[in-house]
Amino acid sequence: MVYAIEYLTQALKAARLHAKLSQRALSQKVKVPQAQISKIENAAVDLKVSTLINLARSLDLEVVLIPRSDLPAVSAVMKHARQKHDDIPPQRAAYTLDDGDENG
């Protein structure tokens, strides 16, 4: 599941860059050491949910869990929003089931 963490950390980094914040400025904003921000962005640490939420909110993002059955509708809304704002990076689910996964 490392790829899911990498996707989340890449999204955080993209949001930080979009906000024109340095790692140092973000670290001061969320009161997390700059070195920790670097490790998070490079997926070198296991990101705590509380840290993820704090970083996301400071970057004007929200962490939301939605039912898989609603994912097509949410994806359509996000696609429509991206068409209005060219600077929004593409989004995808952080985790998807493989065809053979029986747990979903």
N, C-alpha and C. Protein backbone atom coordinates (compact mmCIF):
# COMPACT_ATOMS: atom_id res chain seq x y z
N MET A 1 0.82 -1.20 0.00
CA MET A 1 0.00 0.00 0.00
C MET A 1 0.86 1.26 0.00
N VAL A 2 2.16 1.11 -0.21
CA VAL A 2 3.06 2.25 -0.26
C VAL A 2 2.62 3.24 -1.33
N TYR A 3 2.12 2.73 -2.47
CA TYR A 3 1.72 3.64 -3.55
C TYR A 3 0.62 4.59 -3.11
N ALA A 4 -0.26 4.17 -2.22
CA ALA A 4 -1.32 5.05 -1.72
C ALA A 4 -0.72 6.20 -0.93
N ILE A 5 0.25 5.90 -0.09
CA ILE A 5 0.91 6.94 0.70
C ILE A 5 1.66 7.89 -0.23
N GLU A 6 2.34 7.34 -1.24
CA GLU A 6 3.06 8.19 -2.18
C GLU A 6 2.11 9.12 -2.92
N TYR A 7 0.94 8.61 -3.30
CA TYR A 7 -0.03 9.46 -3.98
C TYR A 7 -0.47 10.61 -3.06
N LEU A 8 -0.75 10.29 -1.81
CA LEU A 8 -1.18 11.33 -0.86
C LEU A 8 -0.08 12.36 -0.65
N THR A 9 1.15 11.89 -0.48
CA THR A 9 2.25 12.83 -0.22
C THR A 9 2.53 13.69 -1.45
N GLN A 10 2.38 13.12 -2.65
CA GLN A 10 2.55 13.91 -3.88
C GLN A 10 1.46 14.97 -3.98
N ALA A 11 0.24 14.61 -3.58
CA ALA A 11 -0.86 15.57 -3.61
C ALA A 11 -0.61 16.72 -2.62
N LEU A 12 -0.08 16.38 -1.44
CA LEU A 12 0.25 17.43 -0.47
C LEU A 12 1.34 18.35 -1.01
N LYS A 13 2.35 17.77 -1.63
CA LYS A 13 3.44 18.58 -2.18
C LYS A 13 2.91 19.49 -3.30
N ALA A 14 2.08 18.94 -4.17
CA ALA A 14 1.51 19.74 -5.26
C ALA A 14 0.68 20.90 -4.71
N ALA A 15 -0.07 20.64 -3.66
CA ALA A 15 -0.88 21.70 -3.04
C ALA A 15 0.02 22.75 -2.40
N ARG A 16 1.12 22.31 -1.77
CA ARG A 16 2.05 23.27 -1.17
C ARG A 16 2.67 24.16 -2.25
N LEU A 17 3.10 23.54 -3.35
CA LEU A 17 3.70 24.31 -4.43
C LEU A 17 2.67 25.25 -5.07
N HIS A 18 1.44 24.78 -5.22
CA HIS A 18 0.37 25.61 -5.77
C HIS A 18 0.12 26.83 -4.87
N ALA A 19 0.23 26.62 -3.57
CA ALA A 19 0.03 27.71 -2.61
C ALA A 19 1.26 28.61 -2.51
N LYS A 20 2.32 28.25 -3.25
CA LYS A 20 3.57 29.01 -3.25
C LYS A 20 4.18 29.10 -1.85
N LEU A 21 4.11 27.97 -1.15
CA LEU A 21 4.71 27.88 0.19
C LEU A 21 5.97 27.04 0.12
N SER A 22 6.99 27.47 0.82
CA SER A 22 8.18 26.63 0.97
C SER A 22 7.88 25.58 2.04
N GLN A 23 8.72 24.57 2.10
CA GLN A 23 8.57 23.58 3.17
C GLN A 23 8.70 24.28 4.52
N ARG A 24 9.60 25.21 4.62
CA ARG A 24 9.81 25.93 5.88
C ARG A 24 8.57 26.73 6.28
N ALA A 25 7.96 27.42 5.31
CA ALA A 25 6.76 28.20 5.61
C ALA A 25 5.62 27.28 6.04
N LEU A 26 5.46 26.14 5.36
CA LEU A 26 4.42 25.20 5.75
C LEU A 26 4.70 24.63 7.13
N SER A 27 5.96 24.34 7.41
CA SER A 27 6.30 23.77 8.72
C SER A 27 5.98 24.75 9.84
N GLN A 28 6.20 26.03 9.61
CA GLN A 28 5.87 27.03 10.61
C GLN A 28 4.35 27.15 10.78
N LYS A 29 3.63 27.01 9.68
CA LYS A 29 2.18 27.13 9.72
C LYS A 29 1.54 25.98 10.50
N VAL A 30 2.06 24.76 10.33
CA VAL A 30 1.47 23.59 10.99
C VAL A 30 2.25 23.13 12.21
N LYS A 31 3.33 23.84 12.52
CA LYS A 31 4.16 23.53 13.70
C LYS A 31 4.71 22.10 13.66
N VAL A 32 5.26 21.77 12.49
CA VAL A 32 5.93 20.50 12.26
C VAL A 32 7.32 20.86 11.73
N PRO A 33 8.37 20.20 12.19
CA PRO A 33 9.72 20.55 11.69
C PRO A 33 9.82 20.43 10.16
N GLN A 34 10.57 21.31 9.55
CA GLN A 34 10.74 21.31 8.10
C GLN A 34 11.28 19.98 7.62
N ALA A 35 12.17 19.36 8.36
CA ALA A 35 12.72 18.07 7.96
C ALA A 35 11.61 17.01 7.89
N GLN A 36 10.63 17.11 8.77
CA GLN A 36 9.51 16.18 8.76
C GLN A 36 8.64 16.39 7.51
N ILE A 37 8.45 17.65 7.11
CA ILE A 37 7.70 17.95 5.89
C ILE A 37 8.41 17.30 4.70
N SER A 38 9.73 17.43 4.65
CA SER A 38 10.50 16.82 3.57
C SER A 38 10.32 15.30 3.56
N LYS A 39 10.41 14.68 4.72
CA LYS A 39 10.23 13.22 4.80
C LYS A 39 8.83 12.82 4.36
N ILE A 40 7.83 13.59 4.75
CA ILE A 40 6.45 13.30 4.37
C ILE A 40 6.31 13.39 2.85
N GLU A 41 6.82 14.47 2.26
CA GLU A 41 6.69 14.66 0.82
C GLU A 41 7.42 13.60 0.03
N ASN A 42 8.43 13.00 0.62
CA ASN A 42 9.19 11.94 -0.05
C ASN A 42 8.72 10.55 0.36
N ALA A 43 7.61 10.48 1.09
CA ALA A 43 7.04 9.20 1.57
C ALA A 43 8.07 8.38 2.33
N ALA A 44 8.91 9.08 3.08
CA ALA A 44 9.96 8.41 3.84
C ALA A 44 9.53 8.11 5.27
N VAL A 45 8.35 8.53 5.65
CA VAL A 45 7.81 8.26 6.98
C VAL A 45 6.37 7.78 6.84
N ASP A 46 5.92 7.07 7.84
CA ASP A 46 4.53 6.63 7.88
C ASP A 46 3.71 7.79 8.43
N LEU A 47 2.92 8.39 7.58
CA LEU A 47 2.17 9.60 7.91
C LEU A 47 1.01 9.29 8.84
N LYS A 48 0.97 9.96 10.00
CA LYS A 48 -0.17 9.81 10.91
C LYS A 48 -1.38 10.52 10.33
N VAL A 49 -2.54 9.97 10.58
CA VAL A 49 -3.78 10.56 10.07
C VAL A 49 -3.95 11.99 10.58
N SER A 50 -3.64 12.22 11.84
CA SER A 50 -3.80 13.56 12.39
C SER A 50 -2.88 14.56 11.68
N THR A 51 -1.67 14.13 11.33
CA THR A 51 -0.75 14.99 10.61
C THR A 51 -1.25 15.23 9.20
N LEU A 52 -1.76 14.19 8.55
CA LEU A 52 -2.32 14.32 7.21
C LEU A 52 -3.45 15.35 7.21
N ILE A 53 -4.36 15.23 8.16
CA ILE A 53 -5.49 16.15 8.23
C ILE A 53 -5.02 17.58 8.48
N ASN A 54 -4.07 17.74 9.39
CA ASN A 54 -3.54 19.07 9.71
C ASN A 54 -2.87 19.70 8.49
N LEU A 55 -2.03 18.92 7.80
CA LEU A 55 -1.36 19.44 6.60
C LEU A 55 -2.38 19.77 5.51
N ALA A 56 -3.31 18.86 5.28
CA ALA A 56 -4.31 19.08 4.23
C ALA A 56 -5.10 20.35 4.49
N ARG A 57 -5.60 20.50 5.69
CA ARG A 57 -6.41 21.69 6.00
C ARG A 57 -5.60 22.98 5.88
N SER A 58 -4.33 22.92 6.24
CA SER A 58 -3.49 24.12 6.12
C SER A 58 -3.24 24.48 4.66
N LEU A 59 -3.43 23.50 3.78
CA LEU A 59 -3.26 23.73 2.34
C LEU A 59 -4.60 23.87 1.62
N ASP A 60 -5.64 24.13 2.39
CA ASP A 60 -6.99 24.33 1.86
C ASP A 60 -7.53 23.08 1.16
N LEU A 61 -7.18 21.92 1.72
CA LEU A 61 -7.69 20.64 1.26
C LEU A 61 -8.48 20.00 2.39
N GLU A 62 -9.28 19.02 2.05
CA GLU A 62 -10.03 18.29 3.07
C GLU A 62 -9.89 16.80 2.81
N VAL A 63 -9.65 16.05 3.85
CA VAL A 63 -9.56 14.59 3.76
C VAL A 63 -10.97 14.05 4.02
N VAL A 64 -11.48 13.30 3.05
CA VAL A 64 -12.86 12.81 3.14
C VAL A 64 -12.90 11.34 2.73
N LEU A 65 -13.64 10.55 3.49
CA LEU A 65 -13.90 9.17 3.12
C LEU A 65 -15.29 9.11 2.51
N ILE A 66 -15.38 8.49 1.34
CA ILE A 66 -16.68 8.37 0.69
C ILE A 66 -16.93 6.90 0.35
N PRO A 67 -18.19 6.51 0.30
CA PRO A 67 -18.49 5.14 -0.12
C PRO A 67 -18.01 4.91 -1.56
N ARG A 68 -17.46 3.73 -1.82
CA ARG A 68 -17.00 3.42 -3.18
C ARG A 68 -18.11 3.59 -4.20
N SER A 69 -19.34 3.27 -3.80
CA SER A 69 -20.46 3.38 -4.74
C SER A 69 -20.69 4.82 -5.19
N ASP A 70 -20.23 5.80 -4.41
CA ASP A 70 -20.39 7.21 -4.76
C ASP A 70 -19.18 7.78 -5.51
N LEU A 71 -18.14 6.98 -5.67
CA LEU A 71 -16.92 7.46 -6.30
C LEU A 71 -17.14 7.98 -7.72
N PRO A 72 -17.94 7.32 -8.57
CA PRO A 72 -18.15 7.88 -9.92
C PRO A 72 -18.76 9.28 -9.88
N ALA A 73 -19.71 9.51 -8.99
CA ALA A 73 -20.34 10.83 -8.90
C ALA A 73 -19.35 11.88 -8.41
N VAL A 74 -18.57 11.53 -7.40
CA VAL A 74 -17.58 12.47 -6.87
C VAL A 74 -16.51 12.76 -7.93
N SER A 75 -16.08 11.73 -8.65
CA SER A 75 -15.09 11.92 -9.72
C SER A 75 -15.61 12.85 -10.80
N ALA A 76 -16.88 12.71 -11.15
CA ALA A 76 -17.47 13.59 -12.17
C ALA A 76 -17.50 15.04 -11.71
N VAL A 77 -17.86 15.26 -10.45
CA VAL A 77 -17.88 16.62 -9.91
C VAL A 77 -16.47 17.20 -9.90
N MET A 78 -15.48 16.39 -9.51
CA MET A 78 -14.10 16.87 -9.46
C MET A 78 -13.59 17.17 -10.87
N LYS A 79 -13.96 16.35 -11.83
CA LYS A 79 -13.55 16.59 -13.22
C LYS A 79 -14.13 17.91 -13.71
N HIS A 80 -15.38 18.16 -13.39
CA HIS A 80 -16.02 19.42 -13.77
C HIS A 80 -15.31 20.61 -13.12
N ALA A 81 -14.94 20.47 -11.86
CA ALA A 81 -14.24 21.55 -11.16
C ALA A 81 -12.87 21.80 -11.78
N ARG A 82 -12.18 20.74 -12.16
CA ARG A 82 -10.85 20.91 -12.78
C ARG A 82 -10.95 21.63 -14.12
N GLN A 83 -12.05 21.41 -14.84
CA GLN A 83 -12.22 22.09 -16.12
C GLN A 83 -12.34 23.60 -15.93
N LYS A 84 -12.86 24.02 -14.79
CA LYS A 84 -12.97 25.44 -14.46
C LYS A 84 -11.64 26.03 -14.03
N HIS A 85 -10.78 25.19 -13.43
CA HIS A 85 -9.51 25.65 -12.87
C HIS A 85 -8.40 24.76 -13.41
N ASP A 86 -7.70 25.24 -14.42
CA ASP A 86 -6.65 24.45 -15.05
C ASP A 86 -5.51 24.11 -14.10
N ASP A 87 -5.37 24.85 -13.02
CA ASP A 87 -4.23 24.66 -12.13
C ASP A 87 -4.47 23.57 -11.07
N ILE A 88 -5.65 22.94 -11.06
CA ILE A 88 -5.92 21.88 -10.10
C ILE A 88 -5.33 20.58 -10.63
N PRO A 89 -4.44 19.93 -9.87
CA PRO A 89 -3.85 18.69 -10.36
C PRO A 89 -4.88 17.57 -10.45
N PRO A 90 -4.69 16.62 -11.37
CA PRO A 90 -5.64 15.52 -11.49
C PRO A 90 -5.74 14.73 -10.19
N GLN A 91 -6.93 14.22 -9.90
CA GLN A 91 -7.16 13.47 -8.68
C GLN A 91 -7.51 12.03 -9.03
N ARG A 92 -7.21 11.14 -8.13
CA ARG A 92 -7.63 9.75 -8.26
C ARG A 92 -7.75 9.19 -6.86
N ALA A 93 -8.42 8.07 -6.75
CA ALA A 93 -8.55 7.44 -5.44
C ALA A 93 -7.17 7.05 -4.94
N ALA A 94 -6.93 7.22 -3.65
CA ALA A 94 -5.63 6.88 -3.08
C ALA A 94 -5.42 5.38 -3.05
N TYR A 95 -6.49 4.61 -3.06
CA TYR A 95 -6.38 3.16 -3.00
C TYR A 95 -7.49 2.57 -3.85
N THR A 96 -7.14 1.64 -4.71
CA THR A 96 -8.14 0.94 -5.49
C THR A 96 -7.92 -0.55 -5.35
N LEU A 97 -8.99 -1.29 -5.42
CA LEU A 97 -8.90 -2.74 -5.30
C LEU A 97 -8.43 -3.34 -6.62
N ASP A 98 -7.61 -4.36 -6.51
CA ASP A 98 -7.24 -5.13 -7.69
C ASP A 98 -8.44 -5.98 -8.08
N ASP A 99 -8.50 -6.41 -9.33
CA ASP A 99 -9.62 -7.24 -9.78
C ASP A 99 -9.80 -8.49 -8.93
N GLY A 100 -8.70 -9.03 -8.43
CA GLY A 100 -8.77 -10.27 -7.68
C GLY A 100 -8.97 -10.07 -6.18
N ASP A 101 -9.09 -8.84 -5.71
CA ASP A 101 -9.23 -8.58 -4.28
C ASP A 101 -10.63 -8.95 -3.81
N GLU A 102 -10.72 -9.83 -2.85
CA GLU A 102 -12.01 -10.31 -2.39
C GLU A 102 -12.56 -9.49 -1.23
N ASN A 103 -11.81 -8.51 -0.73
CA ASN A 103 -12.24 -7.76 0.45
C ASN A 103 -13.11 -6.56 0.11
N GLY A 104 -13.39 -6.31 -1.13
CA GLY A 104 -14.12 -5.11 -1.48
C GLY A 104 -15.47 -5.42 -1.90
